[in-house]
């Protein structure tokens, strides 16, 4: 099965590159899916462990590998069925300063958010432990204001605003959040090269210095980002040295997230975790509310279910797994359904980016990057909570834009 996964994955990489382009969300999604499929291909899994216990690899269960294979089959089915497309670049709509306004508004909101965190947590709030930091709804929205501003700055090709947003992304990273920098890296690769990159073959595209630097920074964030920000928080460079000491490749591989998230599939199967369908629907629909917790609704049902089912106490987060959630909800049928939803979402975001010119274009680009990079380490319910936060942040930017336009002109109809 491992060889079959590799063959289908390479086929999907070829087809997504051919149909949508190298710098597209479907291709980025196929690349990240392949990275998170490495444990299944190698036949290795990293089991959940007690605090202080040495982390080790075990042989992957055939059932877990089979689920990944089924997921790739669903992904391939959608990509093969989709019509052939000719690669073309995006052309930003600049006539009404749409992206310039979004960029400025999101930047102001981002720095207001930074001020809020400094006031509530001190000037060096980002050096506090993650469980000691403020994580209210305003702080959650702050992260997405930063990414929306960054996306607008890329499309506007405004270097000053890009640097300002990168400064805030660096602070978010030092707080202990590797997700936002990873999404920012994917955003930059897709948006910059989609709007301003030159045409050419695959190898010509990936040999560009900006692309290589982006990939190196993105890989560094994913694989050794944690020891980097922990070294900064503790003021102790030995944490990073330890991660790279002796056998750095072995240490990095052992700590790599895909091996831990892959273990979710085996755990769900071994623990016979079965999420009631109506509870699942409730956790999904709860994301239609702005603040689900205010109404007593749960959008993290999968993670809470598997954490409570593990027969020993854990002192660390275990993230999630999109395919394990699918299995817990609907078995093989659930995996098939989730495997169709994933590429269709990527294609929708990519097509909107290329074919449309409205203001939701950038927020959908952020959602596309989020889907490509982040969905594999989450249950669908928790993943949609991030989509909800992006939508709320984008709506706030949009409303402020309407108000500012109304105060300065008779600008009425706003094209979506």
Protein backbone atom coordinates (compact mmCIF):
# COMPACT_ATOMS: atom_id res chain seq x y z
CA UNK A 1 0.00 0.00 0.00
CA UNK A 2 2.87 2.38 0.72
CA UNK A 3 4.10 2.15 -2.87
CA UNK A 4 0.57 2.76 -4.16
CA UNK A 5 0.29 5.90 -1.98
CA UNK A 6 3.56 7.22 -3.41
CA UNK A 7 2.52 6.56 -7.01
CA UNK A 8 -0.91 8.20 -6.60
CA UNK A 9 0.63 11.14 -4.74
CA UNK A 10 3.16 11.75 -7.52
CA UNK A 11 0.34 11.50 -10.08
CA UNK A 12 -1.63 14.12 -8.15
CA UNK A 13 1.41 16.40 -7.98
CA UNK A 14 1.83 16.12 -11.74
CA UNK A 15 -1.85 16.74 -12.48
CA UNK A 16 -2.30 19.66 -10.07
CA UNK A 17 0.83 21.29 -11.50
CA UNK A 18 -0.37 20.67 -15.04
CA UNK A 19 -3.96 21.81 -14.54
CA UNK A 20 -3.61 24.62 -12.00
CA UNK A 21 0.05 25.65 -12.06
CA UNK A 22 3.02 25.31 -9.73
CA UNK A 23 1.93 28.31 -7.67
CA UNK A 24 -1.62 27.22 -6.93
CA UNK A 25 -3.54 26.04 -3.89
CA UNK A 26 -4.29 22.57 -5.33
CA UNK A 27 -0.58 21.97 -5.97
CA UNK A 28 0.35 23.34 -2.52
CA UNK A 29 -2.32 21.12 -0.98
CA UNK A 30 -0.99 18.05 -2.80
CA UNK A 31 2.55 18.87 -1.59
CA UNK A 32 1.49 19.24 2.04
CA UNK A 33 -0.67 16.09 1.81
CA UNK A 34 2.40 14.22 0.56
CA UNK A 35 4.47 15.52 3.50
CA UNK A 36 1.84 14.34 5.98
CA UNK A 37 1.67 11.00 4.12
CA UNK A 38 5.39 10.29 4.62
CA UNK A 39 4.70 8.18 7.77
CA UNK A 40 2.30 5.98 5.81
CA UNK A 41 4.79 5.67 2.94
CA UNK A 42 7.63 4.75 5.32
CA UNK A 43 5.37 2.56 7.44
CA UNK A 44 6.26 4.40 10.66
CA UNK A 45 4.21 6.10 13.36
CA UNK A 46 5.11 7.97 16.55
CA UNK A 47 2.78 6.87 19.35
CA UNK A 48 1.51 9.26 22.00
CA UNK A 49 3.81 9.09 25.00
CA UNK A 50 3.87 9.92 28.70
CA UNK A 51 5.63 13.11 29.70
CA UNK A 52 9.33 12.37 30.14
CA UNK A 53 9.05 9.13 28.18
CA UNK A 54 11.44 8.67 25.26
CA UNK A 55 9.65 9.15 21.96
CA UNK A 56 10.02 6.26 19.55
CA UNK A 57 8.70 4.95 16.26
CA UNK A 58 6.48 1.90 15.79
CA UNK A 59 5.37 0.12 12.64
CA UNK A 60 2.33 1.71 11.06
CA UNK A 61 -0.87 -0.29 11.18
CA UNK A 62 -2.14 -1.54 7.86
CA UNK A 63 -5.58 -0.07 8.55
CA UNK A 64 -4.14 3.42 9.06
CA UNK A 65 -2.08 3.17 5.88
CA UNK A 66 -5.19 1.99 4.02
CA UNK A 67 -7.11 5.08 5.13
CA UNK A 68 -4.38 7.36 3.77
CA UNK A 69 -4.45 5.40 0.49
CA UNK A 70 -8.23 5.80 0.28
CA UNK A 71 -7.89 9.52 0.94
CA UNK A 72 -5.38 9.88 -1.89
CA UNK A 73 -7.76 8.00 -4.20
CA UNK A 74 -10.51 10.52 -3.44
CA UNK A 75 -8.11 13.43 -4.00
CA UNK A 76 -6.97 11.94 -7.32
CA UNK A 77 -10.57 11.36 -8.43
CA UNK A 78 -11.42 15.05 -8.08
CA UNK A 79 -8.23 16.24 -9.78
CA UNK A 80 -8.62 13.81 -12.69
CA UNK A 81 -12.30 14.69 -13.16
CA UNK A 82 -11.66 18.43 -13.20
CA UNK A 83 -11.37 19.95 -16.65
CA UNK A 84 -7.99 20.79 -18.13
CA UNK A 85 -6.97 24.39 -17.49
CA UNK A 86 -4.38 26.57 -19.13
CA UNK A 87 -2.13 28.25 -16.60
CA UNK A 88 -2.53 31.99 -16.44
CA UNK A 89 -1.47 34.64 -14.01
CA UNK A 90 -3.80 36.70 -11.86
CA UNK A 91 -4.38 40.34 -12.58
CA UNK A 92 -5.10 42.47 -9.49
CA UNK A 93 -8.00 44.91 -9.61
CA UNK A 94 -6.42 48.26 -8.81
CA UNK A 95 -8.86 50.74 -10.36
CA UNK A 96 -10.69 51.43 -7.09
CA UNK A 97 -7.76 50.86 -4.74
CA UNK A 98 -9.56 47.80 -3.38
CA UNK A 99 -6.47 46.02 -2.13
CA UNK A 100 -4.72 49.20 -1.07
CA UNK A 101 -7.64 50.02 1.24
CA UNK A 102 -7.75 46.49 2.65
CA UNK A 103 -4.01 46.60 3.19
CA UNK A 104 -4.13 49.87 5.14
CA UNK A 105 -7.19 48.95 7.23
CA UNK A 106 -5.83 45.48 8.10
CA UNK A 107 -2.46 46.99 8.99
CA UNK A 108 -4.01 49.53 11.37
CA UNK A 109 -6.09 46.79 13.02
CA UNK A 110 -3.00 44.57 13.26
CA UNK A 111 -0.96 47.18 15.09
CA UNK A 112 -3.91 48.06 17.31
CA UNK A 113 -3.99 44.37 18.21
CA UNK A 114 -0.29 44.48 18.98
CA UNK A 115 -0.89 47.46 21.26
CA UNK A 116 -3.69 45.58 23.01
CA UNK A 117 -1.38 42.64 23.71
CA UNK A 118 1.38 44.92 24.99
CA UNK A 119 -1.03 46.67 27.34
CA UNK A 120 -2.46 43.41 28.68
CA UNK A 121 0.71 41.31 28.70
CA UNK A 122 3.65 43.70 28.80
CA UNK A 123 6.16 44.79 26.17
CA UNK A 124 7.67 41.33 25.87
CA UNK A 125 4.39 39.42 26.10
CA UNK A 126 5.58 37.02 23.40
CA UNK A 127 8.24 35.59 25.75
CA UNK A 128 5.60 34.24 28.14
CA UNK A 129 4.74 30.55 28.07
CA UNK A 130 1.90 29.71 25.70
CA UNK A 131 -0.50 28.78 28.50
CA UNK A 132 0.17 32.15 30.18
CA UNK A 133 -0.64 34.25 27.13
CA UNK A 134 -3.90 35.97 26.36
CA UNK A 135 -5.98 34.01 23.84
CA UNK A 136 -9.33 35.76 23.80
CA UNK A 137 -11.40 36.25 20.65
CA UNK A 138 -9.79 39.62 19.87
CA UNK A 139 -6.34 38.02 19.95
CA UNK A 140 -7.49 35.20 17.67
CA UNK A 141 -8.82 37.75 15.16
CA UNK A 142 -5.58 39.73 15.39
CA UNK A 143 -3.65 36.90 13.71
CA UNK A 144 -5.96 36.95 10.70
CA UNK A 145 -5.88 40.75 10.37
CA UNK A 146 -2.12 40.30 9.99
CA UNK A 147 -2.48 37.67 7.25
CA UNK A 148 -5.16 39.63 5.38
CA UNK A 149 -2.89 42.69 5.50
CA UNK A 150 0.06 40.58 4.36
CA UNK A 151 -1.94 39.14 1.44
CA UNK A 152 -3.02 42.64 0.36
CA UNK A 153 0.56 43.92 0.62
CA UNK A 154 1.76 41.08 -1.62
CA UNK A 155 -0.87 41.79 -4.26
CA UNK A 156 -0.12 45.53 -4.05
CA UNK A 157 3.60 44.66 -4.23
CA UNK A 158 4.16 47.12 -1.38
CA UNK A 159 7.45 46.25 0.27
CA UNK A 160 7.03 48.54 3.28
CA UNK A 161 3.72 46.98 4.28
CA UNK A 162 5.11 43.51 3.62
CA UNK A 163 7.99 44.19 6.03
CA UNK A 164 5.55 45.57 8.63
CA UNK A 165 3.40 42.45 8.39
CA UNK A 166 6.45 40.16 8.50
CA UNK A 167 7.47 41.90 11.73
CA UNK A 168 4.09 41.02 13.24
CA UNK A 169 4.26 37.47 11.86
CA UNK A 170 7.64 37.08 13.57
CA UNK A 171 6.06 38.16 16.88
CA UNK A 172 3.25 35.66 16.37
CA UNK A 173 5.88 32.99 15.76
CA UNK A 174 7.76 33.91 18.94
CA UNK A 175 4.48 33.61 20.88
CA UNK A 176 4.66 29.92 19.96
CA UNK A 177 2.45 29.84 16.87
CA UNK A 178 4.04 28.10 13.88
CA UNK A 179 0.77 27.96 11.95
CA UNK A 180 0.56 31.62 10.94
CA UNK A 181 4.16 31.80 9.59
CA UNK A 182 3.59 28.58 7.63
CA UNK A 183 0.38 29.95 6.11
CA UNK A 184 2.13 33.26 5.39
CA UNK A 185 4.86 31.35 3.52
CA UNK A 186 2.29 29.53 1.40
CA UNK A 187 0.45 32.80 0.77
CA UNK A 188 3.60 34.53 -0.42
CA UNK A 189 4.56 31.69 -2.76
CA UNK A 190 1.10 31.47 -4.33
CA UNK A 191 0.19 35.17 -4.48
CA UNK A 192 3.54 36.70 -5.42
CA UNK A 193 4.39 34.23 -8.14
CA UNK A 194 0.78 34.03 -9.34
CA UNK A 195 0.50 37.80 -9.73
CA UNK A 196 4.04 38.77 -10.65
CA UNK A 197 5.90 35.59 -11.61
CA UNK A 198 6.98 34.92 -15.15
CA UNK A 199 5.78 31.98 -17.17
CA UNK A 200 8.07 29.02 -17.62
CA UNK A 201 8.54 25.33 -17.02
CA UNK A 202 8.27 23.67 -13.63
CA UNK A 203 12.00 23.51 -12.94
CA UNK A 204 12.49 27.11 -14.06
CA UNK A 205 9.81 28.23 -11.63
CA UNK A 206 11.11 26.37 -8.60
CA UNK A 207 14.72 27.46 -9.26
CA UNK A 208 13.94 31.14 -8.66
CA UNK A 209 15.82 32.57 -5.66
CA UNK A 210 12.67 34.00 -4.03
CA UNK A 211 10.93 30.65 -4.28
CA UNK A 212 13.92 28.78 -2.85
CA UNK A 213 14.25 31.24 0.06
CA UNK A 214 10.51 30.99 0.76
CA UNK A 215 10.65 27.18 0.82
CA UNK A 216 13.72 27.19 3.12
CA UNK A 217 12.04 29.58 5.58
CA UNK A 218 8.79 27.61 5.43
CA UNK A 219 10.61 24.31 6.05
CA UNK A 220 12.62 25.80 8.89
CA UNK A 221 9.43 27.05 10.54
CA UNK A 222 7.74 23.66 10.26
CA UNK A 223 10.60 21.36 11.26
CA UNK A 224 12.72 23.31 13.77
CA UNK A 225 10.45 26.24 14.53
CA UNK A 226 9.58 24.98 18.01
CA UNK A 227 13.16 24.80 19.40
CA UNK A 228 13.82 28.23 17.83
CA UNK A 229 10.98 30.02 19.59
CA UNK A 230 11.54 28.08 22.82
CA UNK A 231 15.18 29.24 22.80
CA UNK A 232 13.99 32.84 22.48
CA UNK A 233 11.35 32.47 25.19
CA UNK A 234 13.77 30.91 27.67
CA UNK A 235 16.75 32.98 26.59
CA UNK A 236 18.64 29.72 26.31
CA UNK A 237 20.23 28.83 22.97
CA UNK A 238 21.05 25.35 24.30
CA UNK A 239 17.48 24.29 23.52
CA UNK A 240 18.13 24.80 19.82
CA UNK A 241 21.61 23.31 20.12
CA UNK A 242 20.16 20.19 21.72
CA UNK A 243 17.65 19.81 18.89
CA UNK A 244 20.50 19.94 16.38
CA UNK A 245 23.11 18.06 18.42
CA UNK A 246 24.41 14.53 17.96
CA UNK A 247 22.15 13.32 15.17
CA UNK A 248 20.22 16.40 14.03
CA UNK A 249 18.44 14.62 11.17
CA UNK A 250 17.19 11.92 13.54
CA UNK A 251 16.07 14.52 16.09
CA UNK A 252 14.23 16.56 13.47
CA UNK A 253 12.53 13.49 11.98
CA UNK A 254 11.57 12.22 15.44
CA UNK A 255 10.01 15.58 16.30
CA UNK A 256 8.35 16.02 12.90
CA UNK A 257 4.63 16.59 13.32
CA UNK A 258 3.39 14.24 10.53
CA UNK A 259 4.49 11.16 12.49
CA UNK A 260 2.54 12.24 15.56
CA UNK A 261 -0.60 13.26 13.68
CA UNK A 262 -0.54 10.02 11.68
CA UNK A 263 -0.82 8.15 14.98
CA UNK A 264 -4.31 9.64 15.38
CA UNK A 265 -5.63 7.25 12.74
CA UNK A 266 -4.34 4.16 14.54
CA UNK A 267 -5.55 5.51 17.88
CA UNK A 268 -9.06 6.17 16.61
CA UNK A 269 -9.24 2.65 15.23
CA UNK A 270 -7.69 0.93 18.28
CA UNK A 271 -9.79 2.88 20.78
CA UNK A 272 -12.98 2.34 18.75
CA UNK A 273 -13.75 6.04 18.79
CA UNK A 274 -17.12 6.71 17.21
CA UNK A 275 -18.42 10.27 17.00
CA UNK A 276 -22.20 10.48 16.79
CA UNK A 277 -23.26 11.94 13.45
CA UNK A 278 -25.60 14.50 15.00
CA UNK A 279 -22.89 15.61 17.44
CA UNK A 280 -20.58 15.99 14.46
CA UNK A 281 -23.11 18.11 12.56
CA UNK A 282 -23.64 20.23 15.67
CA UNK A 283 -19.89 20.88 16.01
CA UNK A 284 -19.71 21.86 12.32
CA UNK A 285 -22.78 24.13 12.34
CA UNK A 286 -21.59 25.77 15.56
CA UNK A 287 -19.07 27.61 13.39
CA UNK A 288 -21.96 29.58 11.88
CA UNK A 289 -22.11 31.52 15.14
CA UNK A 290 -19.52 34.23 15.80
CA UNK A 291 -18.57 32.97 19.26
CA UNK A 292 -19.79 29.35 19.68
CA UNK A 293 -18.66 29.11 23.30
CA UNK A 294 -21.09 31.91 24.21
CA UNK A 295 -23.93 29.58 23.21
CA UNK A 296 -22.36 26.54 24.86
CA UNK A 297 -21.41 25.00 21.50
CA UNK A 298 -18.26 22.96 20.91
CA UNK A 299 -16.16 23.30 17.75
CA UNK A 300 -13.34 21.09 18.97
CA UNK A 301 -15.30 17.88 19.46
CA UNK A 302 -12.84 15.55 17.73
CA UNK A 303 -9.78 16.65 19.73
CA UNK A 304 -11.62 16.52 23.04
CA UNK A 305 -13.04 13.08 22.20
CA UNK A 306 -9.71 11.45 21.37
CA UNK A 307 -7.87 13.17 24.24
CA UNK A 308 -10.39 11.90 26.75
CA UNK A 309 -10.25 8.38 25.25
CA UNK A 310 -6.47 8.02 25.66
CA UNK A 311 -5.97 5.84 28.77
CA UNK A 312 -3.30 8.05 30.33
CA UNK A 313 -2.81 11.74 31.04
CA UNK A 314 -0.99 13.95 28.53
CA UNK A 315 0.75 17.21 29.39
CA UNK A 316 1.06 18.36 25.78
CA UNK A 317 -1.24 19.00 22.85
CA UNK A 318 -1.68 16.23 20.29
CA UNK A 319 -3.11 18.38 17.47
CA UNK A 320 -5.53 16.39 15.31
CA UNK A 321 -5.92 14.52 12.06
CA UNK A 322 -8.39 15.25 9.28
CA UNK A 323 -8.60 11.62 8.15
CA UNK A 324 -8.88 10.23 11.68
CA UNK A 325 -11.82 12.58 12.24
CA UNK A 326 -13.37 11.31 9.00
CA UNK A 327 -13.02 7.71 10.18
CA UNK A 328 -14.45 8.49 13.62
CA UNK A 329 -17.52 10.09 12.04
CA UNK A 330 -18.28 7.76 9.15
CA UNK A 331 -15.71 5.02 8.66
CA UNK A 332 -14.66 4.44 5.07
CA UNK A 333 -17.59 6.49 3.78
CA UNK A 334 -16.49 9.40 5.95
CA UNK A 335 -12.94 9.20 4.60
CA UNK A 336 -14.25 9.22 1.01
CA UNK A 337 -16.45 12.25 1.72
CA UNK A 338 -13.65 14.18 3.43
CA UNK A 339 -11.23 13.28 0.62
CA UNK A 340 -13.60 14.90 -1.90
CA UNK A 341 -14.19 18.00 0.21
CA UNK A 342 -10.46 18.73 0.53
CA UNK A 343 -9.46 19.13 -3.16
CA UNK A 344 -12.78 20.73 -4.09
CA UNK A 345 -12.16 23.45 -1.45
CA UNK A 346 -8.64 24.04 -2.76
CA UNK A 347 -9.88 24.28 -6.35
CA UNK A 348 -12.67 26.69 -5.38
CA UNK A 349 -10.26 29.06 -3.61
CA UNK A 350 -7.80 28.84 -6.50
CA UNK A 351 -10.40 29.48 -9.20
CA UNK A 352 -11.81 32.45 -7.30
CA UNK A 353 -8.33 33.90 -6.97
CA UNK A 354 -7.75 33.62 -10.73
CA UNK A 355 -11.19 34.44 -12.12
CA UNK A 356 -12.73 36.97 -9.71
CA UNK A 357 -11.89 40.53 -8.68
CA UNK A 358 -13.99 41.17 -5.58
CA UNK A 359 -12.93 42.04 -2.06
CA UNK A 360 -13.47 38.54 -0.71
CA UNK A 361 -10.71 37.44 -3.07
CA UNK A 362 -7.94 37.98 -0.53
CA UNK A 363 -9.79 36.42 2.40
CA UNK A 364 -10.46 33.36 0.23
CA UNK A 365 -6.76 33.32 -0.62
CA UNK A 366 -5.98 33.17 3.12
CA UNK A 367 -8.52 30.35 3.50
CA UNK A 368 -6.93 28.56 0.53
CA UNK A 369 -3.48 28.75 2.11
CA UNK A 370 -4.93 27.64 5.46
CA UNK A 371 -6.61 24.65 3.79
CA UNK A 372 -3.48 23.64 1.90
CA UNK A 373 -1.17 23.81 4.91
CA UNK A 374 -3.20 23.29 8.07
CA UNK A 375 -6.11 20.92 7.47
CA UNK A 376 -4.02 17.75 7.86
CA UNK A 377 -3.28 18.37 11.55
CA UNK A 378 -6.87 19.15 12.58
CA UNK A 379 -10.31 17.74 12.86
CA UNK A 380 -12.74 19.33 10.39
CA UNK A 381 -14.69 21.03 13.18
CA UNK A 382 -11.68 22.80 14.65
CA UNK A 383 -10.36 23.65 11.20
CA UNK A 384 -13.64 25.38 10.35
CA UNK A 385 -13.29 27.49 13.50
CA UNK A 386 -10.23 29.07 11.86
CA UNK A 387 -12.23 29.67 8.68
CA UNK A 388 -14.89 31.34 10.82
CA UNK A 389 -12.30 33.62 12.42
CA UNK A 390 -10.97 34.61 8.99
CA UNK A 391 -14.49 35.42 7.80
CA UNK A 392 -15.16 37.58 10.87
CA UNK A 393 -11.83 39.41 10.47
CA UNK A 394 -12.49 39.97 6.75
CA UNK A 395 -16.01 41.22 7.49
CA UNK A 396 -14.66 43.77 9.98
CA UNK A 397 -12.17 45.03 7.39
CA UNK A 398 -14.98 45.19 4.83
CA UNK A 399 -17.32 47.16 7.12
CA UNK A 400 -14.61 49.67 8.01
CA UNK A 401 -13.92 50.05 4.30
CA UNK A 402 -17.59 50.77 3.59
CA UNK A 403 -17.72 53.36 6.37
CA UNK A 404 -14.54 55.07 5.22
CA UNK A 405 -15.78 55.18 1.63
CA UNK A 406 -19.17 56.53 2.68
CA UNK A 407 -17.53 59.33 4.63
CA UNK A 408 -15.35 60.40 1.72
CA UNK A 409 -17.53 59.84 -1.33
CA UNK A 410 -20.83 58.63 -2.65
CA UNK A 411 -19.28 55.24 -3.34
CA UNK A 412 -22.22 52.92 -3.20
CA UNK A 413 -22.21 49.53 -4.85
CA UNK A 414 -19.39 47.28 -3.67
CA UNK A 415 -18.70 44.36 -5.93
CA UNK A 416 -18.06 41.05 -4.19
